Amino acid sequence: MDKQRSGLADEIHKQITSNKIRMRSRAHFIIGAIALGSGLVMTIFITVFSIAISLFRIRIHAPFLLLQSGQHGSQAFLAAFPWLPLALGILCAISGFFIMRQYDFSYRHALIGILTGGIAIIGLTSFLVDASGITKWVERNIPLPSFSKIDYENEMWIEGIARQASTSQIVVITPEGRTATAIIDQETIFNPPGSVQPGEWIRILGDREDSTSHADDVFHHPAPRGIELPLENNERE
């Protein structure tokens, strides 16, 4: 064994002296380590933030409840589910794993242990970021790509706080302060069954025209954590 190592060392020395192998400078390894470290930190940050945004949107939109409304609800589910933030988080997590494989410690530990620990840490951190209200603050105060913003209203639904509720209509105000009216009739389905109470968080599926919509399905429950009752225009003045 010692002879083999000695022969290998001599062969490497010959390759170096004949300029067939060149030693890289210390700066090369320092720059490489900084680049790897920066890339790992960036991927972890983007992963945590993307998953926290996904958790926030799932908590606000509750897209899985929409599947109870048949085809109309399925279309709303596809629009409400945070596909892009979640995909970005998963992609960055995979990239971070491959960056970690460049470090020596990743070869001295079981692969399944690194994966399990990484997933647990990212999941817990993302949950804490969402629970702390950071995602809500960022969504309100920092310009973000369109895929990460909360869509409280579109042509398929509107959601917000029930300002007024009667047997014929519901007045809803979104967290952004926009007010809309939903028309209720005998075909409107309430989930859970029962009347809507002012102050509840409601999600109304139905065709919209300007600020009025015909309510096909109404989902109502207590307001999600972090949602504040917005003030109407006359209350702000």
Protein backbone atom coordinates (compact mmCIF):
# COMPACT_ATOMS: atom_id res chain seq x y z
CA MET A 1 0.00 0.00 0.00
CA ASP A 2 2.82 2.41 0.95
CA LYS A 3 4.59 1.65 -2.34
CA GLN A 4 1.43 2.38 -4.31
CA ARG A 5 0.97 5.72 -2.52
CA SER A 6 4.62 6.60 -3.10
CA GLY A 7 4.32 5.75 -6.78
CA LEU A 8 1.18 7.82 -7.11
CA ALA A 9 2.85 10.77 -5.38
CA ASP A 10 5.85 10.53 -7.70
CA GLU A 11 3.58 10.39 -10.75
CA ILE A 12 1.66 13.48 -9.62
CA HIS A 13 4.96 15.30 -8.95
CA LYS A 14 6.15 14.48 -12.48
CA GLN A 15 2.90 15.75 -13.97
CA ILE A 16 3.25 19.03 -12.04
CA THR A 17 6.92 19.59 -12.97
CA SER A 18 6.12 18.93 -16.63
CA ASN A 19 3.28 21.52 -16.48
CA LYS A 20 0.69 18.88 -17.36
CA ILE A 21 -1.01 19.61 -14.04
CA ARG A 22 -1.21 23.11 -12.63
CA MET A 23 -1.88 23.97 -9.02
CA ARG A 24 -4.69 26.44 -8.52
CA SER A 25 -4.07 29.51 -6.40
CA ARG A 26 -5.49 29.95 -2.92
CA ALA A 27 -7.64 32.82 -4.22
CA HIS A 28 -9.40 30.37 -6.55
CA PHE A 29 -10.52 28.20 -3.65
CA ILE A 30 -11.46 31.21 -1.49
CA ILE A 31 -13.59 32.71 -4.26
CA GLY A 32 -15.15 29.31 -4.92
CA ALA A 33 -16.00 28.85 -1.25
CA ILE A 34 -17.55 32.33 -1.05
CA ALA A 35 -19.56 31.70 -4.21
CA LEU A 36 -20.83 28.35 -2.91
CA GLY A 37 -21.67 29.82 0.48
CA SER A 38 -23.49 32.79 -1.05
CA GLY A 39 -25.41 30.50 -3.39
CA LEU A 40 -26.42 28.23 -0.53
CA VAL A 41 -27.62 31.15 1.62
CA MET A 42 -29.55 32.64 -1.29
CA THR A 43 -31.27 29.36 -2.17
CA ILE A 44 -32.23 28.77 1.48
CA PHE A 45 -33.63 32.31 1.75
CA ILE A 46 -35.65 32.02 -1.46
CA THR A 47 -36.86 28.54 -0.48
CA VAL A 48 -38.06 29.66 2.97
CA PHE A 49 -39.70 32.82 1.63
CA SER A 50 -41.41 31.01 -1.27
CA ILE A 51 -42.80 28.28 0.96
CA ALA A 52 -43.89 30.87 3.56
CA ILE A 53 -45.73 32.77 0.81
CA SER A 54 -47.34 29.49 -0.29
CA LEU A 55 -48.48 28.72 3.28
CA PHE A 56 -49.84 32.24 3.63
CA ARG A 57 -51.84 31.99 0.40
CA ILE A 58 -53.17 28.52 1.26
CA ARG A 59 -54.22 29.81 4.70
CA ILE A 60 -56.00 32.84 3.20
CA HIS A 61 -57.55 31.25 0.10
CA ALA A 62 -58.17 27.76 1.56
CA PRO A 63 -58.13 26.43 -2.01
CA PHE A 64 -58.93 22.84 -1.06
CA LEU A 65 -62.34 23.93 0.19
CA LEU A 66 -63.13 25.21 -3.30
CA LEU A 67 -63.04 21.65 -4.65
CA GLN A 68 -66.41 21.09 -2.96
CA SER A 69 -68.08 23.36 -5.54
CA GLY A 70 -67.78 21.11 -8.59
CA GLN A 71 -66.32 22.35 -11.86
CA HIS A 72 -66.64 26.00 -10.88
CA GLY A 73 -64.76 25.31 -7.67
CA SER A 74 -62.10 23.28 -9.49
CA GLN A 75 -61.36 26.22 -11.78
CA ALA A 76 -61.12 28.50 -8.76
CA PHE A 77 -58.82 25.98 -7.05
CA LEU A 78 -56.43 25.99 -10.00
CA ALA A 79 -56.35 29.80 -9.91
CA ALA A 80 -56.05 30.11 -6.12
CA PHE A 81 -53.44 27.44 -5.39
CA PRO A 82 -49.91 28.95 -5.15
CA TRP A 83 -48.36 26.83 -7.89
CA LEU A 84 -45.50 29.18 -8.84
CA PRO A 85 -44.25 30.10 -5.33
CA LEU A 86 -44.37 26.45 -4.28
CA ALA A 87 -42.58 25.30 -7.45
CA LEU A 88 -39.93 27.99 -6.95
CA GLY A 89 -39.41 26.87 -3.36
CA ILE A 90 -39.02 23.22 -4.36
CA LEU A 91 -36.62 24.12 -7.21
CA CYS A 92 -34.46 26.23 -4.89
CA ALA A 93 -34.48 23.47 -2.27
CA ILE A 94 -33.18 20.99 -4.87
CA SER A 95 -30.54 23.51 -5.99
CA GLY A 96 -29.49 24.02 -2.37
CA PHE A 97 -29.10 20.28 -1.94
CA PHE A 98 -26.76 20.04 -4.92
CA ILE A 99 -24.74 22.99 -3.59
CA MET A 100 -24.43 21.23 -0.22
CA ARG A 101 -23.07 18.18 -2.04
CA GLN A 102 -20.03 20.28 -2.95
CA TYR A 103 -19.00 20.46 0.72
CA ASP A 104 -16.96 17.69 2.30
CA PHE A 105 -19.31 17.22 5.27
CA SER A 106 -22.08 16.03 2.94
CA TYR A 107 -20.04 12.92 2.16
CA ARG A 108 -19.45 12.11 5.81
CA HIS A 109 -23.14 11.95 6.71
CA ALA A 110 -26.02 9.84 5.48
CA LEU A 111 -27.83 11.37 2.53
CA ILE A 112 -31.24 10.62 4.02
CA GLY A 113 -30.24 12.43 7.22
CA ILE A 114 -29.23 15.58 5.33
CA LEU A 115 -32.46 15.57 3.32
CA THR A 116 -34.67 14.93 6.34
CA GLY A 117 -32.96 17.59 8.43
CA GLY A 118 -33.02 20.14 5.61
CA ILE A 119 -36.71 19.60 4.87
CA ALA A 120 -37.61 19.80 8.57
CA ILE A 121 -35.64 23.02 9.11
CA ILE A 122 -37.02 24.69 5.97
CA GLY A 123 -40.58 23.65 6.78
CA LEU A 124 -40.37 24.82 10.40
CA THR A 125 -38.71 28.12 9.45
CA SER A 126 -41.31 28.79 6.74
CA PHE A 127 -44.11 28.10 9.22
CA LEU A 128 -42.57 30.47 11.78
CA VAL A 129 -42.09 33.19 9.14
CA ASP A 130 -45.77 32.95 8.20
CA ALA A 131 -46.92 32.76 11.83
CA SER A 132 -44.88 35.84 12.74
CA GLY A 133 -46.75 37.97 10.20
CA ILE A 134 -43.65 38.72 8.13
CA THR A 135 -45.26 37.47 4.93
CA LYS A 136 -48.26 39.74 5.49
CA TRP A 137 -46.01 42.74 6.15
CA VAL A 138 -43.90 42.02 3.07
CA GLU A 139 -47.01 41.55 0.93
CA ARG A 140 -48.28 44.96 2.02
CA ASN A 141 -45.09 47.03 1.99
CA ILE A 142 -42.61 45.57 -0.52
CA PRO A 143 -43.17 45.37 -4.28
CA LEU A 144 -43.16 41.68 -5.21
CA PRO A 145 -43.48 39.70 -8.44
CA SER A 146 -47.10 39.21 -9.44
CA PHE A 147 -47.02 35.46 -8.72
CA SER A 148 -46.38 36.09 -5.02
CA LYS A 149 -49.19 38.61 -4.46
CA ILE A 150 -52.54 37.71 -2.92
CA ASP A 151 -55.40 37.93 -5.42
CA TYR A 152 -58.47 38.85 -3.36
CA GLU A 153 -60.73 39.35 -6.37
CA ASN A 154 -60.95 38.42 -10.03
CA GLU A 155 -63.61 37.34 -12.52
CA MET A 156 -64.28 34.11 -10.60
CA TRP A 157 -64.36 35.16 -6.95
CA ILE A 158 -64.08 37.88 -4.36
CA GLU A 159 -63.02 37.40 -0.78
CA GLY A 160 -62.77 39.59 2.26
CA ILE A 161 -64.64 40.62 5.40
CA ALA A 162 -68.46 40.58 5.42
CA ARG A 163 -69.44 44.16 6.17
CA GLN A 164 -73.20 43.62 5.88
CA ALA A 165 -75.23 40.45 5.33
CA SER A 166 -78.92 39.85 4.66
CA THR A 167 -81.07 37.23 2.95
CA SER A 168 -80.75 39.00 -0.40
CA GLN A 169 -77.20 40.33 -0.53
CA ILE A 170 -73.80 40.46 1.16
CA VAL A 171 -71.52 43.49 1.19
CA VAL A 172 -67.87 42.45 1.33
CA ILE A 173 -64.79 44.58 1.72
CA THR A 174 -61.38 43.20 0.72
CA PRO A 175 -58.20 43.74 2.78
CA GLU A 176 -57.23 46.27 0.10
CA GLY A 177 -60.32 48.35 0.93
CA ARG A 178 -62.43 47.60 -2.16
CA THR A 179 -66.15 47.10 -1.55
CA ALA A 180 -68.38 44.78 -3.57
CA THR A 181 -71.92 43.43 -3.35
CA ALA A 182 -72.95 39.79 -3.87
CA ILE A 183 -76.54 38.97 -4.79
CA ILE A 184 -78.01 35.98 -2.91
CA ASP A 185 -80.85 33.81 -4.21
CA GLN A 186 -82.38 30.39 -3.50
CA GLU A 187 -79.71 28.61 -5.56
CA THR A 188 -76.81 30.05 -3.58
CA ILE A 189 -74.94 27.36 -1.64
CA PHE A 190 -73.47 28.26 1.75
CA ASN A 191 -70.50 26.35 3.14
CA PRO A 192 -70.94 25.66 5.98
CA PRO A 193 -74.74 25.87 5.85
CA GLY A 194 -76.14 28.88 7.65
CA SER A 195 -76.25 32.61 7.34
CA VAL A 196 -73.19 34.83 7.07
CA GLN A 197 -72.40 37.01 10.07
CA PRO A 198 -70.82 40.47 9.74
CA GLY A 199 -67.11 40.26 10.47
CA GLU A 200 -66.70 36.76 9.05
CA TRP A 201 -64.20 36.02 6.30
CA ILE A 202 -66.12 35.11 3.15
CA ARG A 203 -65.18 33.80 -0.26
CA ILE A 204 -67.83 34.21 -2.93
CA LEU A 205 -67.74 32.27 -6.20
CA GLY A 206 -69.85 33.56 -9.06
CA ASP A 207 -69.95 35.71 -12.17
CA ARG A 208 -68.97 39.31 -11.56
CA GLU A 209 -69.95 42.53 -13.25
CA ASP A 210 -68.09 45.60 -11.99
CA SER A 211 -68.57 45.65 -8.20
CA THR A 212 -71.55 43.28 -8.17
CA SER A 213 -71.52 39.50 -8.40
CA HIS A 214 -74.08 36.74 -8.39
CA ALA A 215 -73.19 34.36 -5.57
CA ASP A 216 -73.17 30.72 -6.63
CA ASP A 217 -71.18 29.51 -3.62
CA VAL A 218 -70.40 31.32 -0.37
CA PHE A 219 -67.67 30.04 1.97
CA HIS A 220 -67.62 31.73 5.36
CA HIS A 221 -65.59 31.26 8.53
CA PRO A 222 -63.72 33.36 11.11
CA ALA A 223 -61.14 35.72 9.62
CA PRO A 224 -57.71 34.11 9.11
CA ARG A 225 -54.85 35.15 11.36
CA GLY A 226 -53.25 38.41 10.25
CA ILE A 227 -56.32 39.74 8.43
CA GLU A 228 -57.44 43.13 9.68
CA LEU A 229 -60.85 44.70 9.12
CA PRO A 230 -60.21 47.49 6.59
CA LEU A 231 -61.80 50.88 6.92
CA GLU A 232 -64.22 52.16 4.34
CA ASN A 233 -63.48 55.44 2.61
CA ASN A 234 -65.69 57.53 4.88
CA GLU A 235 -64.04 56.02 7.95
CA ARG A 236 -60.58 56.92 6.71
CA GLU A 237 -61.36 60.60 6.22
